[in-house]
């Protein structure tokens, strides 16, 4: 299983980014997917989660600003991030949390939000 995340980068506060995560080797359509993040010195935290049926859940930090979506035909999950804040700076990980014990984790993509 490979989860290839992309779309991170440097953006000014108030800007937007869209992260993408392409899955391979995974029965994508039946798996819930999530985005986690880890800022320097902090623990990893859940950002957003989408079930196989398309139901979504968000951490309070991203509600109203972040949108998770999926395209089963492309085996890709997205995270649209708007109104970014410096505290959103972190490495963002794509995860298939229920596919195996501990989940499958991608390599992460760095998001840096400058003030």
N, C-alpha and C. Protein backbone atom coordinates (compact mmCIF):
# COMPACT_ATOMS: atom_id res chain seq x y z
N UNK A 1 0.85 -1.19 0.00
CA UNK A 1 0.00 0.00 0.00
C UNK A 1 0.88 1.24 0.00
N UNK A 2 0.55 2.18 -0.86
CA UNK A 2 1.25 3.47 -0.87
C UNK A 2 0.23 4.59 -0.85
N UNK A 3 0.51 5.58 -0.02
CA UNK A 3 -0.29 6.79 0.04
C UNK A 3 0.64 7.94 -0.27
N UNK A 4 0.46 8.56 -1.43
CA UNK A 4 1.38 9.60 -1.89
C UNK A 4 0.70 10.95 -1.74
N UNK A 5 1.14 11.71 -0.75
CA UNK A 5 0.58 13.03 -0.49
C UNK A 5 1.35 14.10 -1.26
N UNK A 6 0.63 15.11 -1.68
CA UNK A 6 1.24 16.23 -2.39
C UNK A 6 0.42 17.49 -2.15
N UNK A 7 0.98 18.62 -2.55
CA UNK A 7 0.24 19.87 -2.48
C UNK A 7 0.66 20.80 -1.36
N UNK A 8 1.55 20.35 -0.51
CA UNK A 8 2.03 21.23 0.54
C UNK A 8 2.91 22.33 -0.02
N UNK A 9 3.24 23.27 0.83
CA UNK A 9 4.10 24.36 0.40
C UNK A 9 4.04 25.52 1.36
N UNK A 10 4.56 26.64 0.91
CA UNK A 10 4.59 27.87 1.71
C UNK A 10 3.48 28.79 1.24
N UNK A 11 2.69 29.26 2.17
CA UNK A 11 1.59 30.15 1.84
C UNK A 11 1.47 31.21 2.93
N UNK A 12 1.00 32.38 2.55
CA UNK A 12 0.79 33.43 3.54
C UNK A 12 -0.50 33.18 4.32
N UNK A 13 -0.54 33.71 5.52
CA UNK A 13 -1.75 33.61 6.32
C UNK A 13 -2.94 34.16 5.53
N UNK A 14 -4.04 33.44 5.62
CA UNK A 14 -5.22 33.81 4.86
C UNK A 14 -5.33 33.13 3.52
N UNK A 15 -4.26 32.49 3.10
CA UNK A 15 -4.25 31.83 1.81
C UNK A 15 -4.85 30.44 1.86
N UNK A 16 -4.76 29.75 0.74
CA UNK A 16 -5.36 28.43 0.60
C UNK A 16 -4.37 27.44 -0.01
N UNK A 17 -4.58 26.20 0.32
CA UNK A 17 -3.84 25.09 -0.29
C UNK A 17 -4.79 23.92 -0.42
N UNK A 18 -4.54 23.09 -1.42
CA UNK A 18 -5.28 21.83 -1.55
C UNK A 18 -4.29 20.69 -1.53
N UNK A 19 -4.41 19.85 -0.55
CA UNK A 19 -3.59 18.66 -0.47
C UNK A 19 -4.29 17.51 -1.18
N UNK A 20 -3.49 16.67 -1.81
CA UNK A 20 -4.01 15.48 -2.47
C UNK A 20 -3.26 14.27 -1.96
N UNK A 21 -3.93 13.14 -1.97
CA UNK A 21 -3.30 11.90 -1.56
C UNK A 21 -3.79 10.79 -2.47
N UNK A 22 -2.89 10.27 -3.27
CA UNK A 22 -3.21 9.19 -4.19
C UNK A 22 -2.85 7.86 -3.56
N UNK A 23 -3.81 6.95 -3.57
CA UNK A 23 -3.60 5.64 -2.96
C UNK A 23 -3.38 4.58 -4.02
N UNK A 24 -2.51 3.64 -3.71
CA UNK A 24 -2.32 2.48 -4.57
C UNK A 24 -2.17 1.25 -3.69
N UNK A 25 -2.59 0.12 -4.26
CA UNK A 25 -2.50 -1.11 -3.49
C UNK A 25 -3.53 -1.23 -2.40
N UNK A 26 -4.51 -0.34 -2.40
CA UNK A 26 -5.53 -0.29 -1.35
C UNK A 26 -6.90 -0.36 -2.00
N UNK A 27 -7.80 -1.16 -1.41
CA UNK A 27 -9.17 -1.18 -1.89
C UNK A 27 -9.80 0.13 -1.41
N UNK A 28 -9.57 1.18 -2.18
CA UNK A 28 -9.80 2.55 -1.73
C UNK A 28 -11.24 2.82 -1.38
N UNK A 29 -12.15 2.38 -2.24
CA UNK A 29 -13.53 2.81 -2.11
C UNK A 29 -14.19 2.33 -0.82
N UNK A 30 -13.68 1.28 -0.22
CA UNK A 30 -14.33 0.76 0.99
C UNK A 30 -13.65 1.25 2.26
N UNK A 31 -12.59 2.03 2.07
CA UNK A 31 -11.81 2.48 3.22
C UNK A 31 -12.10 3.92 3.60
N UNK A 32 -12.27 4.15 4.91
CA UNK A 32 -12.26 5.51 5.42
C UNK A 32 -10.86 6.08 5.27
N UNK A 33 -10.79 7.38 5.09
CA UNK A 33 -9.51 8.06 4.92
C UNK A 33 -9.45 9.27 5.84
N UNK A 34 -8.26 9.64 6.21
CA UNK A 34 -8.12 10.79 7.08
C UNK A 34 -6.85 11.57 6.79
N UNK A 35 -6.86 12.78 7.27
CA UNK A 35 -5.66 13.63 7.27
C UNK A 35 -5.31 13.93 8.73
N UNK A 36 -4.04 13.70 9.05
CA UNK A 36 -3.49 14.06 10.35
C UNK A 36 -2.40 15.10 10.11
N UNK A 37 -2.01 15.77 11.17
CA UNK A 37 -0.90 16.69 11.07
C UNK A 37 -0.05 16.63 12.34
N UNK A 38 1.19 17.02 12.17
CA UNK A 38 2.09 17.09 13.32
C UNK A 38 2.95 18.34 13.18
N UNK A 39 2.78 19.22 14.13
CA UNK A 39 3.59 20.43 14.19
C UNK A 39 4.83 20.15 15.04
N UNK A 40 5.89 20.91 14.84
CA UNK A 40 7.12 20.70 15.63
C UNK A 40 6.83 20.76 17.13
N UNK A 41 7.28 19.72 17.83
CA UNK A 41 7.09 19.67 19.27
C UNK A 41 5.73 19.20 19.73
N UNK A 42 4.85 18.94 18.77
CA UNK A 42 3.49 18.52 19.12
C UNK A 42 3.24 17.08 18.72
N UNK A 43 2.20 16.51 19.30
CA UNK A 43 1.77 15.17 18.88
C UNK A 43 0.97 15.25 17.59
N UNK A 44 0.90 14.14 16.90
CA UNK A 44 0.04 14.08 15.72
C UNK A 44 -1.41 14.23 16.15
N UNK A 45 -2.16 14.93 15.32
CA UNK A 45 -3.57 15.14 15.62
C UNK A 45 -4.40 14.95 14.37
N UNK A 46 -5.60 14.47 14.57
CA UNK A 46 -6.53 14.31 13.46
C UNK A 46 -7.00 15.67 12.98
N UNK A 47 -6.99 15.85 11.68
CA UNK A 47 -7.47 17.08 11.07
C UNK A 47 -8.87 16.87 10.49
N UNK A 48 -9.02 15.82 9.71
CA UNK A 48 -10.29 15.56 9.05
C UNK A 48 -10.37 14.08 8.69
N UNK A 49 -11.60 13.61 8.55
CA UNK A 49 -11.86 12.19 8.35
C UNK A 49 -13.06 12.05 7.42
N UNK A 50 -12.97 11.09 6.50
CA UNK A 50 -14.10 10.85 5.61
C UNK A 50 -14.33 9.35 5.52
N UNK A 51 -15.57 8.93 5.68
CA UNK A 51 -15.89 7.51 5.62
C UNK A 51 -15.99 7.05 4.18
N UNK A 52 -16.13 5.76 4.00
CA UNK A 52 -16.29 5.22 2.65
C UNK A 52 -17.58 5.76 2.01
N UNK A 53 -18.55 6.08 2.83
CA UNK A 53 -19.81 6.61 2.32
C UNK A 53 -19.83 8.11 2.13
N UNK A 54 -18.74 8.77 2.50
CA UNK A 54 -18.64 10.21 2.28
C UNK A 54 -18.98 11.07 3.48
N UNK A 55 -19.30 10.49 4.60
CA UNK A 55 -19.53 11.28 5.80
C UNK A 55 -18.21 11.85 6.29
N UNK A 56 -18.26 13.07 6.79
CA UNK A 56 -17.03 13.75 7.18
C UNK A 56 -17.05 14.19 8.64
N UNK A 57 -15.87 14.37 9.17
CA UNK A 57 -15.71 14.86 10.53
C UNK A 57 -14.44 15.69 10.58
N UNK A 58 -14.47 16.75 11.37
CA UNK A 58 -13.34 17.67 11.42
C UNK A 58 -12.95 17.97 12.85
N UNK A 59 -11.66 18.18 13.04
CA UNK A 59 -11.21 18.73 14.31
C UNK A 59 -11.71 20.17 14.42
N UNK A 60 -11.92 20.61 15.64
CA UNK A 60 -12.44 21.97 15.84
C UNK A 60 -11.55 23.01 15.17
N UNK A 61 -10.25 22.75 15.12
CA UNK A 61 -9.31 23.72 14.57
C UNK A 61 -9.55 23.99 13.10
N UNK A 62 -10.15 23.04 12.40
CA UNK A 62 -10.35 23.19 10.96
C UNK A 62 -11.78 23.39 10.52
N UNK A 63 -12.71 23.29 11.44
CA UNK A 63 -14.12 23.44 11.06
C UNK A 63 -14.38 24.80 10.44
N UNK A 64 -15.08 24.77 9.31
CA UNK A 64 -15.39 25.99 8.60
C UNK A 64 -14.29 26.47 7.68
N UNK A 65 -13.11 25.90 7.80
CA UNK A 65 -11.99 26.32 6.94
C UNK A 65 -11.50 25.18 6.06
N UNK A 66 -11.57 23.96 6.55
CA UNK A 66 -11.04 22.80 5.83
C UNK A 66 -12.19 21.95 5.30
N UNK A 67 -11.96 21.35 4.13
CA UNK A 67 -12.93 20.44 3.55
C UNK A 67 -12.21 19.20 3.04
N UNK A 68 -12.63 18.05 3.52
CA UNK A 68 -12.08 16.78 3.03
C UNK A 68 -13.05 16.20 2.02
N UNK A 69 -12.50 15.62 0.97
CA UNK A 69 -13.33 15.00 -0.06
C UNK A 69 -12.57 13.82 -0.65
N UNK A 70 -13.27 13.03 -1.42
CA UNK A 70 -12.63 11.87 -2.03
C UNK A 70 -13.17 11.63 -3.43
N UNK A 71 -12.33 11.07 -4.27
CA UNK A 71 -12.71 10.65 -5.62
C UNK A 71 -12.32 9.19 -5.73
N UNK A 72 -13.31 8.33 -5.58
CA UNK A 72 -13.00 6.89 -5.58
C UNK A 72 -12.48 6.41 -6.93
N UNK A 73 -12.92 7.02 -8.00
CA UNK A 73 -12.45 6.61 -9.33
C UNK A 73 -10.96 6.90 -9.48
N UNK A 74 -10.50 7.97 -8.84
CA UNK A 74 -9.07 8.33 -8.92
C UNK A 74 -8.29 7.81 -7.72
N UNK A 75 -9.00 7.16 -6.78
CA UNK A 75 -8.35 6.66 -5.56
C UNK A 75 -7.56 7.78 -4.88
N UNK A 76 -8.21 8.91 -4.75
CA UNK A 76 -7.55 10.09 -4.21
C UNK A 76 -8.44 10.76 -3.18
N UNK A 77 -7.81 11.21 -2.10
CA UNK A 77 -8.49 11.99 -1.08
C UNK A 77 -7.86 13.38 -1.05
N UNK A 78 -8.69 14.39 -0.83
CA UNK A 78 -8.23 15.77 -0.87
C UNK A 78 -8.49 16.45 0.46
N UNK A 79 -7.71 17.47 0.72
CA UNK A 79 -7.97 18.37 1.85
C UNK A 79 -7.83 19.79 1.34
N UNK A 80 -8.96 20.46 1.20
CA UNK A 80 -8.95 21.86 0.82
C UNK A 80 -8.84 22.69 2.09
N UNK A 81 -7.83 23.52 2.16
CA UNK A 81 -7.59 24.34 3.35
C UNK A 81 -7.66 25.81 2.97
N UNK A 82 -8.58 26.50 3.57
CA UNK A 82 -8.76 27.94 3.32
C UNK A 82 -8.49 28.73 4.60
N UNK A 83 -8.30 30.01 4.42
CA UNK A 83 -8.07 30.90 5.56
C UNK A 83 -6.99 30.34 6.49
N UNK A 84 -5.89 29.97 5.89
CA UNK A 84 -4.83 29.33 6.66
C UNK A 84 -4.22 30.28 7.67
N UNK A 85 -3.82 29.69 8.79
CA UNK A 85 -3.23 30.44 9.89
C UNK A 85 -1.83 29.91 10.17
N UNK A 86 -0.96 30.73 10.76
CA UNK A 86 0.38 30.23 11.09
C UNK A 86 0.34 28.95 11.94
N UNK A 87 -0.65 28.80 12.79
CA UNK A 87 -0.74 27.61 13.63
C UNK A 87 -1.15 26.36 12.85
N UNK A 88 -1.47 26.51 11.57
CA UNK A 88 -1.72 25.35 10.73
C UNK A 88 -0.43 24.76 10.18
N UNK A 89 0.68 25.43 10.43
CA UNK A 89 1.97 24.93 9.97
C UNK A 89 2.27 23.57 10.59
N UNK A 90 2.51 22.58 9.73
CA UNK A 90 2.72 21.20 10.20
C UNK A 90 3.05 20.32 9.00
N UNK A 91 3.47 19.12 9.29
CA UNK A 91 3.52 18.08 8.27
C UNK A 91 2.16 17.39 8.28
N UNK A 92 1.55 17.30 7.12
CA UNK A 92 0.23 16.71 6.97
C UNK A 92 0.38 15.30 6.38
N UNK A 93 -0.28 14.37 7.04
CA UNK A 93 -0.21 12.96 6.65
C UNK A 93 -1.57 12.46 6.19
N UNK A 94 -1.54 11.74 5.11
CA UNK A 94 -2.72 11.02 4.63
C UNK A 94 -2.72 9.63 5.27
N UNK A 95 -3.87 9.19 5.72
CA UNK A 95 -3.94 7.95 6.47
C UNK A 95 -5.17 7.15 6.05
N UNK A 96 -4.98 5.85 5.98
CA UNK A 96 -6.11 4.92 5.88
C UNK A 96 -6.18 4.23 7.24
N UNK A 97 -6.91 4.82 8.17
CA UNK A 97 -6.76 4.41 9.57
C UNK A 97 -7.31 3.05 9.93
N UNK A 98 -8.24 2.54 9.14
CA UNK A 98 -8.88 1.28 9.51
C UNK A 98 -8.48 0.12 8.61
N UNK A 99 -7.58 0.38 7.66
CA UNK A 99 -7.24 -0.65 6.67
C UNK A 99 -6.38 -1.75 7.26
N UNK A 100 -5.67 -1.43 8.32
CA UNK A 100 -4.79 -2.39 8.98
C UNK A 100 -4.55 -1.88 10.39
N UNK A 101 -4.19 -2.73 11.34
CA UNK A 101 -3.88 -2.22 12.69
C UNK A 101 -2.84 -1.12 12.64
N UNK A 102 -3.17 0.02 13.21
CA UNK A 102 -2.28 1.16 13.15
C UNK A 102 -2.46 2.01 11.92
N UNK A 103 -3.17 1.50 10.93
CA UNK A 103 -3.44 2.25 9.73
C UNK A 103 -2.26 2.28 8.78
N UNK A 104 -2.55 2.65 7.54
CA UNK A 104 -1.49 2.93 6.57
C UNK A 104 -1.26 4.44 6.55
N UNK A 105 0.00 4.85 6.59
CA UNK A 105 0.35 6.27 6.63
C UNK A 105 1.18 6.63 5.41
N UNK A 106 0.89 7.77 4.83
CA UNK A 106 1.72 8.31 3.78
C UNK A 106 2.95 8.99 4.35
N UNK A 107 3.75 9.55 3.46
CA UNK A 107 5.05 10.10 3.88
C UNK A 107 4.93 11.52 4.42
N UNK A 108 3.81 12.16 4.23
CA UNK A 108 3.63 13.51 4.74
C UNK A 108 4.02 14.58 3.75
N UNK A 109 3.34 15.70 3.86
CA UNK A 109 3.67 16.86 3.03
C UNK A 109 3.66 18.08 3.95
N UNK A 110 4.68 18.92 3.81
CA UNK A 110 4.87 20.05 4.72
C UNK A 110 4.05 21.25 4.27
N UNK A 111 3.30 21.79 5.20
CA UNK A 111 2.57 23.03 4.99
C UNK A 111 3.16 24.08 5.93
N UNK A 112 3.58 25.19 5.35
CA UNK A 112 4.13 26.29 6.14
C UNK A 112 3.31 27.54 5.86
N UNK A 113 2.76 28.11 6.92
CA UNK A 113 1.95 29.31 6.78
C UNK A 113 2.69 30.46 7.44
N UNK A 114 3.02 31.44 6.65
CA UNK A 114 3.76 32.59 7.17
C UNK A 114 2.79 33.69 7.61
N UNK A 115 3.20 34.40 8.62
CA UNK A 115 2.34 35.48 9.15
C UNK A 115 2.59 36.79 8.44
